[in-house]
């Protein structure tokens, strides 16, 4: 049980940092007014009533809150099945849970998620996102990396795949 505390702390830190940044964004950025940071990156406060890329925005808050809780529960279930030496996967699951909780807090408090990072080029604009979204993506990449490294270790040891 003790081995999960660092990961719970990582998830909690992710939630706190996400919420602090969103509070600053709400207090200091005008809605839908870009603040250029570089030729391809800007701060741009907007609200997302759906999930990733505004998908499912027509489902309503209740369904999206329930969906978020199911996803968080499933990720926690997967994390519970990891071994202590699977530190990348555990850190990844913690980041996914922290990011999902950060966005869930927004949805419960405001009825939408606060997004503020705009990546763009002269010919392409990526969806506006936030730290929680980035943490979910990085966390998922860490879980995949752990799986890949485990697969390579098993292959090197001559163990069967699976």
N, C-alpha and C. Protein backbone atom coordinates (compact mmCIF):
# COMPACT_ATOMS: atom_id res chain seq x y z
N UNK A 1 0.83 -1.20 0.00
CA UNK A 1 0.00 0.00 0.00
C UNK A 1 0.87 1.25 0.00
N UNK A 2 1.98 1.19 0.73
CA UNK A 2 2.86 2.33 0.86
C UNK A 2 3.41 2.79 -0.50
N UNK A 3 3.59 1.86 -1.42
CA UNK A 3 4.20 2.19 -2.71
C UNK A 3 3.30 3.05 -3.59
N UNK A 4 2.03 3.20 -3.26
CA UNK A 4 1.16 4.05 -4.09
C UNK A 4 1.19 5.51 -3.67
N UNK A 5 1.71 5.80 -2.48
CA UNK A 5 1.68 7.18 -1.99
C UNK A 5 2.40 8.18 -2.90
N UNK A 6 3.57 7.85 -3.43
CA UNK A 6 4.20 8.84 -4.33
C UNK A 6 3.33 9.13 -5.57
N UNK A 7 2.63 8.12 -6.04
CA UNK A 7 1.80 8.29 -7.23
C UNK A 7 0.52 9.05 -6.90
N UNK A 8 -0.02 8.80 -5.74
CA UNK A 8 -1.18 9.59 -5.30
C UNK A 8 -0.77 11.05 -5.13
N UNK A 9 0.43 11.27 -4.61
CA UNK A 9 0.95 12.63 -4.48
C UNK A 9 1.15 13.29 -5.83
N UNK A 10 1.64 12.53 -6.80
CA UNK A 10 1.81 13.06 -8.16
C UNK A 10 0.46 13.45 -8.76
N UNK A 11 -0.54 12.60 -8.59
CA UNK A 11 -1.89 12.91 -9.10
C UNK A 11 -2.44 14.16 -8.40
N UNK A 12 -2.26 14.25 -7.09
CA UNK A 12 -2.75 15.42 -6.34
C UNK A 12 -2.04 16.69 -6.78
N UNK A 13 -0.72 16.61 -6.98
CA UNK A 13 0.04 17.78 -7.45
C UNK A 13 -0.43 18.21 -8.83
N UNK A 14 -0.74 17.24 -9.68
CA UNK A 14 -1.24 17.55 -11.03
C UNK A 14 -2.56 18.31 -10.94
N UNK A 15 -3.45 17.86 -10.07
CA UNK A 15 -4.75 18.53 -9.90
C UNK A 15 -4.55 19.95 -9.39
N UNK A 16 -3.73 20.11 -8.37
CA UNK A 16 -3.51 21.43 -7.78
C UNK A 16 -2.90 22.38 -8.81
N UNK A 17 -1.86 21.96 -9.50
CA UNK A 17 -1.22 22.82 -10.49
C UNK A 17 -2.19 23.18 -11.61
N UNK A 18 -2.96 22.20 -12.08
CA UNK A 18 -3.96 22.46 -13.11
C UNK A 18 -4.97 23.51 -12.66
N UNK A 19 -5.47 23.38 -11.45
CA UNK A 19 -6.50 24.30 -10.96
C UNK A 19 -5.93 25.70 -10.68
N UNK A 20 -4.70 25.77 -10.20
CA UNK A 20 -4.07 27.08 -9.97
C UNK A 20 -3.89 27.81 -11.30
N UNK A 21 -3.39 27.11 -12.30
CA UNK A 21 -3.20 27.74 -13.61
C UNK A 21 -4.54 28.17 -14.20
N UNK A 22 -5.55 27.35 -14.08
CA UNK A 22 -6.86 27.71 -14.62
C UNK A 22 -7.44 28.92 -13.89
N UNK A 23 -7.21 29.03 -12.59
CA UNK A 23 -7.68 30.21 -11.85
C UNK A 23 -6.97 31.46 -12.35
N UNK A 24 -5.68 31.36 -12.62
CA UNK A 24 -4.94 32.50 -13.17
C UNK A 24 -5.44 32.86 -14.57
N UNK A 25 -5.70 31.86 -15.37
CA UNK A 25 -6.23 32.08 -16.72
C UNK A 25 -7.56 32.82 -16.64
N UNK A 26 -8.43 32.35 -15.77
CA UNK A 26 -9.75 32.98 -15.61
C UNK A 26 -9.62 34.42 -15.15
N UNK A 27 -8.67 34.68 -14.26
CA UNK A 27 -8.52 36.02 -13.69
C UNK A 27 -7.80 37.00 -14.63
N UNK A 28 -6.94 36.47 -15.50
CA UNK A 28 -6.05 37.38 -16.24
C UNK A 28 -6.19 37.39 -17.75
N UNK A 29 -6.83 36.40 -18.34
CA UNK A 29 -6.96 36.36 -19.80
C UNK A 29 -8.37 36.69 -20.24
N UNK A 30 -8.47 37.53 -21.22
CA UNK A 30 -9.77 37.83 -21.82
C UNK A 30 -10.26 36.60 -22.58
N UNK A 31 -11.55 36.40 -22.60
CA UNK A 31 -12.13 35.27 -23.31
C UNK A 31 -11.91 35.42 -24.81
N UNK A 32 -11.36 34.39 -25.42
CA UNK A 32 -11.15 34.28 -26.86
C UNK A 32 -10.35 35.44 -27.47
N UNK A 33 -9.40 35.95 -26.71
CA UNK A 33 -8.46 36.98 -27.18
C UNK A 33 -7.06 36.36 -27.14
N UNK A 34 -6.46 36.07 -28.29
CA UNK A 34 -5.15 35.42 -28.27
C UNK A 34 -4.04 36.31 -27.71
N UNK A 35 -3.15 35.68 -26.96
CA UNK A 35 -1.95 36.33 -26.45
C UNK A 35 -0.77 35.54 -27.01
N UNK A 36 -0.16 36.04 -28.10
CA UNK A 36 0.93 35.29 -28.74
C UNK A 36 2.13 35.11 -27.81
N UNK A 37 2.65 33.89 -27.79
CA UNK A 37 3.87 33.59 -27.04
C UNK A 37 5.03 33.32 -27.99
N UNK A 38 4.71 32.82 -29.17
CA UNK A 38 5.69 32.53 -30.21
C UNK A 38 4.92 32.49 -31.53
N UNK A 39 5.62 32.31 -32.65
CA UNK A 39 4.90 32.25 -33.92
C UNK A 39 3.90 31.09 -34.02
N UNK A 40 4.03 30.09 -33.15
CA UNK A 40 3.15 28.93 -33.23
C UNK A 40 2.39 28.61 -31.94
N UNK A 41 2.54 29.44 -30.92
CA UNK A 41 1.93 29.15 -29.63
C UNK A 41 1.33 30.43 -29.05
N UNK A 42 0.10 30.30 -28.52
CA UNK A 42 -0.55 31.46 -27.91
C UNK A 42 -1.38 30.99 -26.72
N UNK A 43 -1.60 31.91 -25.80
CA UNK A 43 -2.59 31.69 -24.75
C UNK A 43 -3.92 32.15 -25.32
N UNK A 44 -4.96 31.36 -25.09
CA UNK A 44 -6.26 31.66 -25.69
C UNK A 44 -7.33 31.02 -24.82
N UNK A 45 -7.93 31.81 -23.94
CA UNK A 45 -8.95 31.26 -23.02
C UNK A 45 -10.24 30.99 -23.77
N UNK A 46 -10.69 29.77 -23.62
CA UNK A 46 -11.98 29.37 -24.20
C UNK A 46 -12.56 28.27 -23.32
N UNK A 47 -13.80 27.92 -23.59
CA UNK A 47 -14.48 26.91 -22.79
C UNK A 47 -14.88 25.73 -23.67
N UNK A 48 -14.66 24.55 -23.16
CA UNK A 48 -14.98 23.32 -23.88
C UNK A 48 -16.12 22.62 -23.14
N UNK A 49 -17.26 22.52 -23.79
CA UNK A 49 -18.40 21.86 -23.16
C UNK A 49 -18.44 20.36 -23.43
N UNK A 50 -17.50 19.89 -24.26
CA UNK A 50 -17.40 18.45 -24.54
C UNK A 50 -16.17 17.87 -23.87
N UNK A 51 -15.65 16.83 -24.52
CA UNK A 51 -14.37 16.28 -24.06
C UNK A 51 -13.37 16.56 -25.17
N UNK A 52 -12.33 15.82 -25.29
CA UNK A 52 -11.25 16.09 -26.25
C UNK A 52 -11.80 16.55 -27.61
N UNK A 53 -11.27 17.66 -28.08
CA UNK A 53 -11.66 18.25 -29.36
C UNK A 53 -13.15 18.57 -29.41
N UNK A 54 -13.74 18.86 -28.27
CA UNK A 54 -15.16 19.21 -28.11
C UNK A 54 -16.11 18.08 -28.50
N UNK A 55 -15.61 16.85 -28.56
CA UNK A 55 -16.50 15.72 -28.86
C UNK A 55 -17.52 15.56 -27.75
N UNK A 56 -18.68 15.09 -28.12
CA UNK A 56 -19.77 14.77 -27.19
C UNK A 56 -20.31 15.98 -26.44
N UNK A 57 -20.12 17.18 -26.96
CA UNK A 57 -20.62 18.37 -26.27
C UNK A 57 -22.14 18.38 -26.18
N UNK A 58 -22.81 17.63 -27.04
CA UNK A 58 -24.26 17.59 -27.00
C UNK A 58 -24.80 16.61 -25.95
N UNK A 59 -23.91 15.86 -25.29
CA UNK A 59 -24.35 14.86 -24.32
C UNK A 59 -24.84 15.47 -23.01
N UNK A 60 -24.41 16.66 -22.67
CA UNK A 60 -24.80 17.28 -21.41
C UNK A 60 -23.83 16.95 -20.29
N UNK A 61 -23.84 17.81 -19.29
CA UNK A 61 -22.89 17.68 -18.19
C UNK A 61 -23.01 16.37 -17.43
N UNK A 62 -24.22 15.95 -17.15
CA UNK A 62 -24.42 14.72 -16.36
C UNK A 62 -23.76 13.51 -16.99
N UNK A 63 -23.95 13.34 -18.29
CA UNK A 63 -23.37 12.19 -18.99
C UNK A 63 -21.85 12.31 -19.01
N UNK A 64 -21.33 13.53 -19.25
CA UNK A 64 -19.88 13.71 -19.31
C UNK A 64 -19.23 13.53 -17.94
N UNK A 65 -19.90 13.94 -16.88
CA UNK A 65 -19.39 13.70 -15.53
C UNK A 65 -19.35 12.20 -15.26
N UNK A 66 -20.43 11.50 -15.59
CA UNK A 66 -20.47 10.05 -15.40
C UNK A 66 -19.39 9.36 -16.23
N UNK A 67 -19.23 9.77 -17.48
CA UNK A 67 -18.19 9.20 -18.33
C UNK A 67 -16.81 9.43 -17.73
N UNK A 68 -16.56 10.63 -17.22
CA UNK A 68 -15.28 10.94 -16.58
C UNK A 68 -15.03 10.04 -15.37
N UNK A 69 -16.05 9.84 -14.56
CA UNK A 69 -15.91 8.99 -13.39
C UNK A 69 -15.64 7.54 -13.77
N UNK A 70 -16.29 7.07 -14.82
CA UNK A 70 -16.05 5.70 -15.30
C UNK A 70 -14.61 5.56 -15.79
N UNK A 71 -14.14 6.54 -16.56
CA UNK A 71 -12.77 6.49 -17.07
C UNK A 71 -11.77 6.52 -15.92
N UNK A 72 -11.98 7.42 -14.95
CA UNK A 72 -11.07 7.50 -13.80
C UNK A 72 -11.07 6.17 -13.04
N UNK A 73 -12.24 5.59 -12.84
CA UNK A 73 -12.33 4.29 -12.16
C UNK A 73 -11.60 3.20 -12.93
N UNK A 74 -11.75 3.19 -14.24
CA UNK A 74 -11.08 2.18 -15.06
C UNK A 74 -9.56 2.35 -15.00
N UNK A 75 -9.09 3.58 -15.06
CA UNK A 75 -7.64 3.84 -14.99
C UNK A 75 -7.11 3.42 -13.62
N UNK A 76 -7.85 3.70 -12.56
CA UNK A 76 -7.42 3.27 -11.22
C UNK A 76 -7.39 1.74 -11.13
N UNK A 77 -8.35 1.08 -11.75
CA UNK A 77 -8.36 -0.39 -11.80
C UNK A 77 -7.10 -0.91 -12.50
N UNK A 78 -6.78 -0.30 -13.66
CA UNK A 78 -5.57 -0.72 -14.38
C UNK A 78 -4.32 -0.45 -13.54
N UNK A 79 -4.28 0.71 -12.90
CA UNK A 79 -3.12 1.06 -12.08
C UNK A 79 -2.94 0.09 -10.92
N UNK A 80 -4.05 -0.36 -10.34
CA UNK A 80 -3.98 -1.30 -9.21
C UNK A 80 -3.36 -2.62 -9.63
N UNK A 81 -3.40 -2.94 -10.91
CA UNK A 81 -2.82 -4.19 -11.39
C UNK A 81 -1.34 -4.10 -11.73
N UNK A 82 -0.75 -2.93 -11.53
CA UNK A 82 0.67 -2.79 -11.84
C UNK A 82 1.53 -3.28 -10.67
N UNK A 83 2.74 -3.65 -11.01
CA UNK A 83 3.71 -4.08 -9.99
C UNK A 83 4.56 -2.88 -9.57
N UNK A 84 5.10 -2.89 -8.37
CA UNK A 84 5.90 -1.76 -7.89
C UNK A 84 7.04 -1.35 -8.83
N UNK A 85 7.64 -2.31 -9.54
CA UNK A 85 8.73 -1.97 -10.44
C UNK A 85 8.26 -1.30 -11.74
N UNK A 86 6.97 -1.25 -11.98
CA UNK A 86 6.43 -0.60 -13.18
C UNK A 86 6.20 0.89 -12.89
N UNK A 87 7.30 1.56 -12.59
CA UNK A 87 7.21 2.96 -12.15
C UNK A 87 6.72 3.89 -13.26
N UNK A 88 7.13 3.65 -14.50
CA UNK A 88 6.65 4.50 -15.60
C UNK A 88 5.14 4.39 -15.74
N UNK A 89 4.63 3.18 -15.71
CA UNK A 89 3.19 2.98 -15.84
C UNK A 89 2.45 3.62 -14.66
N UNK A 90 2.96 3.43 -13.47
CA UNK A 90 2.30 4.02 -12.30
C UNK A 90 2.30 5.55 -12.37
N UNK A 91 3.43 6.12 -12.77
CA UNK A 91 3.47 7.58 -12.93
C UNK A 91 2.51 8.02 -14.03
N UNK A 92 2.48 7.25 -15.12
CA UNK A 92 1.56 7.57 -16.22
C UNK A 92 0.11 7.53 -15.78
N UNK A 93 -0.27 6.48 -15.07
CA UNK A 93 -1.65 6.39 -14.58
C UNK A 93 -1.96 7.55 -13.62
N UNK A 94 -0.99 7.93 -12.79
CA UNK A 94 -1.20 9.05 -11.86
C UNK A 94 -1.44 10.34 -12.63
N UNK A 95 -0.68 10.57 -13.70
CA UNK A 95 -0.88 11.78 -14.50
C UNK A 95 -2.23 11.76 -15.21
N UNK A 96 -2.64 10.60 -15.71
CA UNK A 96 -3.95 10.50 -16.37
C UNK A 96 -5.05 10.80 -15.36
N UNK A 97 -4.97 10.21 -14.18
CA UNK A 97 -6.00 10.44 -13.16
C UNK A 97 -5.98 11.91 -12.72
N UNK A 98 -4.80 12.47 -12.48
CA UNK A 98 -4.71 13.87 -12.08
C UNK A 98 -5.30 14.80 -13.12
N UNK A 99 -4.97 14.57 -14.39
CA UNK A 99 -5.53 15.40 -15.46
C UNK A 99 -7.03 15.25 -15.58
N UNK A 100 -7.50 14.01 -15.50
CA UNK A 100 -8.94 13.76 -15.61
C UNK A 100 -9.69 14.41 -14.44
N UNK A 101 -9.11 14.34 -13.24
CA UNK A 101 -9.75 14.98 -12.09
C UNK A 101 -9.76 16.50 -12.24
N UNK A 102 -8.68 17.07 -12.76
CA UNK A 102 -8.64 18.52 -12.98
C UNK A 102 -9.75 18.97 -13.91
N UNK A 103 -9.93 18.25 -15.00
CA UNK A 103 -11.00 18.62 -15.93
C UNK A 103 -12.38 18.32 -15.35
N UNK A 104 -12.49 17.27 -14.55
CA UNK A 104 -13.76 16.95 -13.91
C UNK A 104 -14.17 18.05 -12.93
N UNK A 105 -13.21 18.57 -12.19
CA UNK A 105 -13.49 19.67 -11.27
C UNK A 105 -14.08 20.85 -12.03
N UNK A 106 -13.48 21.19 -13.18
CA UNK A 106 -14.01 22.28 -14.01
C UNK A 106 -15.45 22.02 -14.40
N UNK A 107 -15.69 20.82 -14.88
CA UNK A 107 -17.03 20.48 -15.38
C UNK A 107 -18.07 20.58 -14.26
N UNK A 108 -17.69 20.11 -13.06
CA UNK A 108 -18.61 20.17 -11.93
C UNK A 108 -18.82 21.61 -11.46
N UNK A 109 -17.75 22.41 -11.46
CA UNK A 109 -17.83 23.78 -10.94
C UNK A 109 -18.44 24.75 -11.94
N UNK A 110 -18.13 24.58 -13.22
CA UNK A 110 -18.53 25.59 -14.22
C UNK A 110 -19.44 25.08 -15.33
N UNK A 111 -19.54 23.77 -15.47
CA UNK A 111 -20.32 23.22 -16.58
C UNK A 111 -19.54 23.17 -17.88
N UNK A 112 -18.24 23.42 -17.81
CA UNK A 112 -17.35 23.35 -18.98
C UNK A 112 -15.92 23.22 -18.46
N UNK A 113 -15.01 22.91 -19.39
CA UNK A 113 -13.59 22.83 -19.06
C UNK A 113 -12.90 24.08 -19.59
N UNK A 114 -12.01 24.64 -18.80
CA UNK A 114 -11.27 25.83 -19.20
C UNK A 114 -10.04 25.40 -20.00
N UNK A 115 -9.96 25.83 -21.23
CA UNK A 115 -8.82 25.56 -22.10
C UNK A 115 -8.11 26.87 -22.38
N UNK A 116 -6.78 26.81 -22.61
CA UNK A 116 -6.04 28.06 -22.77
C UNK A 116 -4.75 27.97 -23.57
N UNK A 117 -4.39 26.81 -24.08
CA UNK A 117 -3.16 26.68 -24.87
C UNK A 117 -3.54 26.46 -26.32
N UNK A 118 -3.08 27.34 -27.19
CA UNK A 118 -3.39 27.25 -28.62
C UNK A 118 -2.11 27.03 -29.39
N UNK A 119 -2.00 25.87 -30.01
CA UNK A 119 -0.88 25.57 -30.90
C UNK A 119 -1.36 25.76 -32.32
N UNK A 120 -0.59 26.49 -33.13
CA UNK A 120 -1.04 26.76 -34.49
C UNK A 120 0.15 27.00 -35.41
N UNK A 121 -0.09 26.84 -36.68
CA UNK A 121 0.87 27.20 -37.73
C UNK A 121 0.12 28.12 -38.68
N UNK A 122 0.79 28.68 -39.68
CA UNK A 122 0.07 29.54 -40.62
C UNK A 122 -1.07 28.83 -41.37
N UNK A 123 -0.99 27.50 -41.48
CA UNK A 123 -2.03 26.77 -42.23
C UNK A 123 -2.85 25.80 -41.39
N UNK A 124 -2.51 25.65 -40.11
CA UNK A 124 -3.20 24.67 -39.27
C UNK A 124 -3.35 25.20 -37.85
N UNK A 125 -4.53 25.00 -37.28
CA UNK A 125 -4.77 25.34 -35.88
C UNK A 125 -5.19 24.08 -35.15
N UNK A 126 -4.42 23.72 -34.14
CA UNK A 126 -4.73 22.57 -33.31
C UNK A 126 -5.80 22.98 -32.31
N UNK A 127 -6.50 22.02 -31.75
CA UNK A 127 -7.52 22.31 -30.75
C UNK A 127 -6.89 23.02 -29.55
N UNK A 128 -7.63 23.91 -28.93
CA UNK A 128 -7.17 24.57 -27.72
C UNK A 128 -7.25 23.54 -26.59
N UNK A 129 -6.22 23.49 -25.76
CA UNK A 129 -6.18 22.50 -24.69
C UNK A 129 -5.65 23.14 -23.41
N UNK A 130 -5.46 22.33 -22.38
CA UNK A 130 -4.98 22.84 -21.10
C UNK A 130 -3.95 21.88 -20.51
N UNK A 131 -3.41 22.22 -19.35
CA UNK A 131 -2.40 21.38 -18.71
C UNK A 131 -2.96 19.99 -18.42
N UNK A 132 -4.18 19.89 -17.95
CA UNK A 132 -4.77 18.59 -17.64
C UNK A 132 -4.77 17.69 -18.88
N UNK A 133 -5.13 18.25 -20.03
CA UNK A 133 -5.12 17.48 -21.27
C UNK A 133 -3.71 16.99 -21.60
N UNK A 134 -2.73 17.88 -21.42
CA UNK A 134 -1.33 17.51 -21.69
C UNK A 134 -0.88 16.41 -20.73
N UNK A 135 -1.26 16.51 -19.46
CA UNK A 135 -0.89 15.49 -18.48
C UNK A 135 -1.49 14.14 -18.84
N UNK A 136 -2.73 14.13 -19.30
CA UNK A 136 -3.38 12.88 -19.73
C UNK A 136 -2.60 12.27 -20.88
N UNK A 137 -2.22 13.09 -21.84
CA UNK A 137 -1.46 12.59 -23.01
C UNK A 137 -0.09 12.07 -22.62
N UNK A 138 0.63 12.82 -21.79
CA UNK A 138 1.96 12.39 -21.34
C UNK A 138 1.82 11.10 -20.51
N UNK A 139 0.82 11.06 -19.66
CA UNK A 139 0.60 9.86 -18.85
C UNK A 139 0.34 8.64 -19.71
N UNK A 140 -0.49 8.79 -20.72
CA UNK A 140 -0.78 7.66 -21.62
C UNK A 140 0.49 7.22 -22.34
N UNK A 141 1.32 8.16 -22.74
CA UNK A 141 2.60 7.82 -23.39
C UNK A 141 3.52 7.06 -22.44
N UNK A 142 3.53 7.43 -21.16
CA UNK A 142 4.35 6.71 -20.18
C UNK A 142 3.87 5.27 -20.00
N UNK A 143 2.56 5.07 -19.99
CA UNK A 143 2.01 3.71 -19.86
C UNK A 143 2.41 2.87 -21.08
N UNK A 144 2.29 3.45 -22.27
CA UNK A 144 2.67 2.73 -23.49
C UNK A 144 4.17 2.44 -23.47
N UNK A 145 4.98 3.40 -23.04
CA UNK A 145 6.43 3.19 -22.96
C UNK A 145 6.76 2.04 -22.00
N UNK A 146 6.08 1.99 -20.86
CA UNK A 146 6.30 0.89 -19.92
C UNK A 146 5.97 -0.45 -20.56
N UNK A 147 4.86 -0.51 -21.28
CA UNK A 147 4.47 -1.75 -21.96
C UNK A 147 5.51 -2.16 -23.00
N UNK A 148 5.99 -1.19 -23.76
CA UNK A 148 7.00 -1.48 -24.77
C UNK A 148 8.29 -1.98 -24.13
N UNK A 149 8.74 -1.31 -23.07
CA UNK A 149 9.97 -1.73 -22.39
C UNK A 149 9.81 -3.11 -21.75
N UNK A 150 8.64 -3.38 -21.19
CA UNK A 150 8.38 -4.71 -20.61
C UNK A 150 8.40 -5.78 -21.69
N UNK A 151 7.83 -5.48 -22.83
CA UNK A 151 7.82 -6.41 -23.95
C UNK A 151 9.25 -6.70 -24.40
N UNK A 152 10.07 -5.66 -24.48
CA UNK A 152 11.47 -5.83 -24.90
C UNK A 152 12.24 -6.65 -23.87
N UNK A 153 11.99 -6.41 -22.58
CA UNK A 153 12.68 -7.19 -21.54
C UNK A 153 12.29 -8.66 -21.62
N UNK A 154 10.99 -8.92 -21.82
CA UNK A 154 10.54 -10.31 -21.95
C UNK A 154 11.15 -10.97 -23.18
N UNK A 155 11.21 -10.24 -24.28
CA UNK A 155 11.79 -10.78 -25.51
C UNK A 155 13.28 -11.08 -25.30
N UNK A 156 13.99 -10.19 -24.63
CA UNK A 156 15.42 -10.39 -24.38
C UNK A 156 15.66 -11.58 -23.46
N UNK A 157 14.71 -11.83 -22.53
CA UNK A 157 14.83 -12.95 -21.62
C UNK A 157 14.31 -14.25 -22.21
N UNK A 158 13.80 -14.19 -23.44
CA UNK A 158 13.28 -15.38 -24.10
C UNK A 158 11.92 -15.82 -23.63
N UNK A 159 11.21 -14.95 -22.94
CA UNK A 159 9.87 -15.30 -22.48
C UNK A 159 8.88 -15.18 -23.63
N UNK A 160 7.79 -15.96 -23.61
CA UNK A 160 6.78 -15.83 -24.67
C UNK A 160 6.08 -14.48 -24.59
N UNK A 161 5.62 -13.98 -25.72
CA UNK A 161 4.88 -12.71 -25.78
C UNK A 161 3.49 -12.91 -25.22
N UNK A 162 2.92 -11.83 -24.68
CA UNK A 162 1.55 -11.94 -24.23
C UNK A 162 1.30 -11.26 -22.99
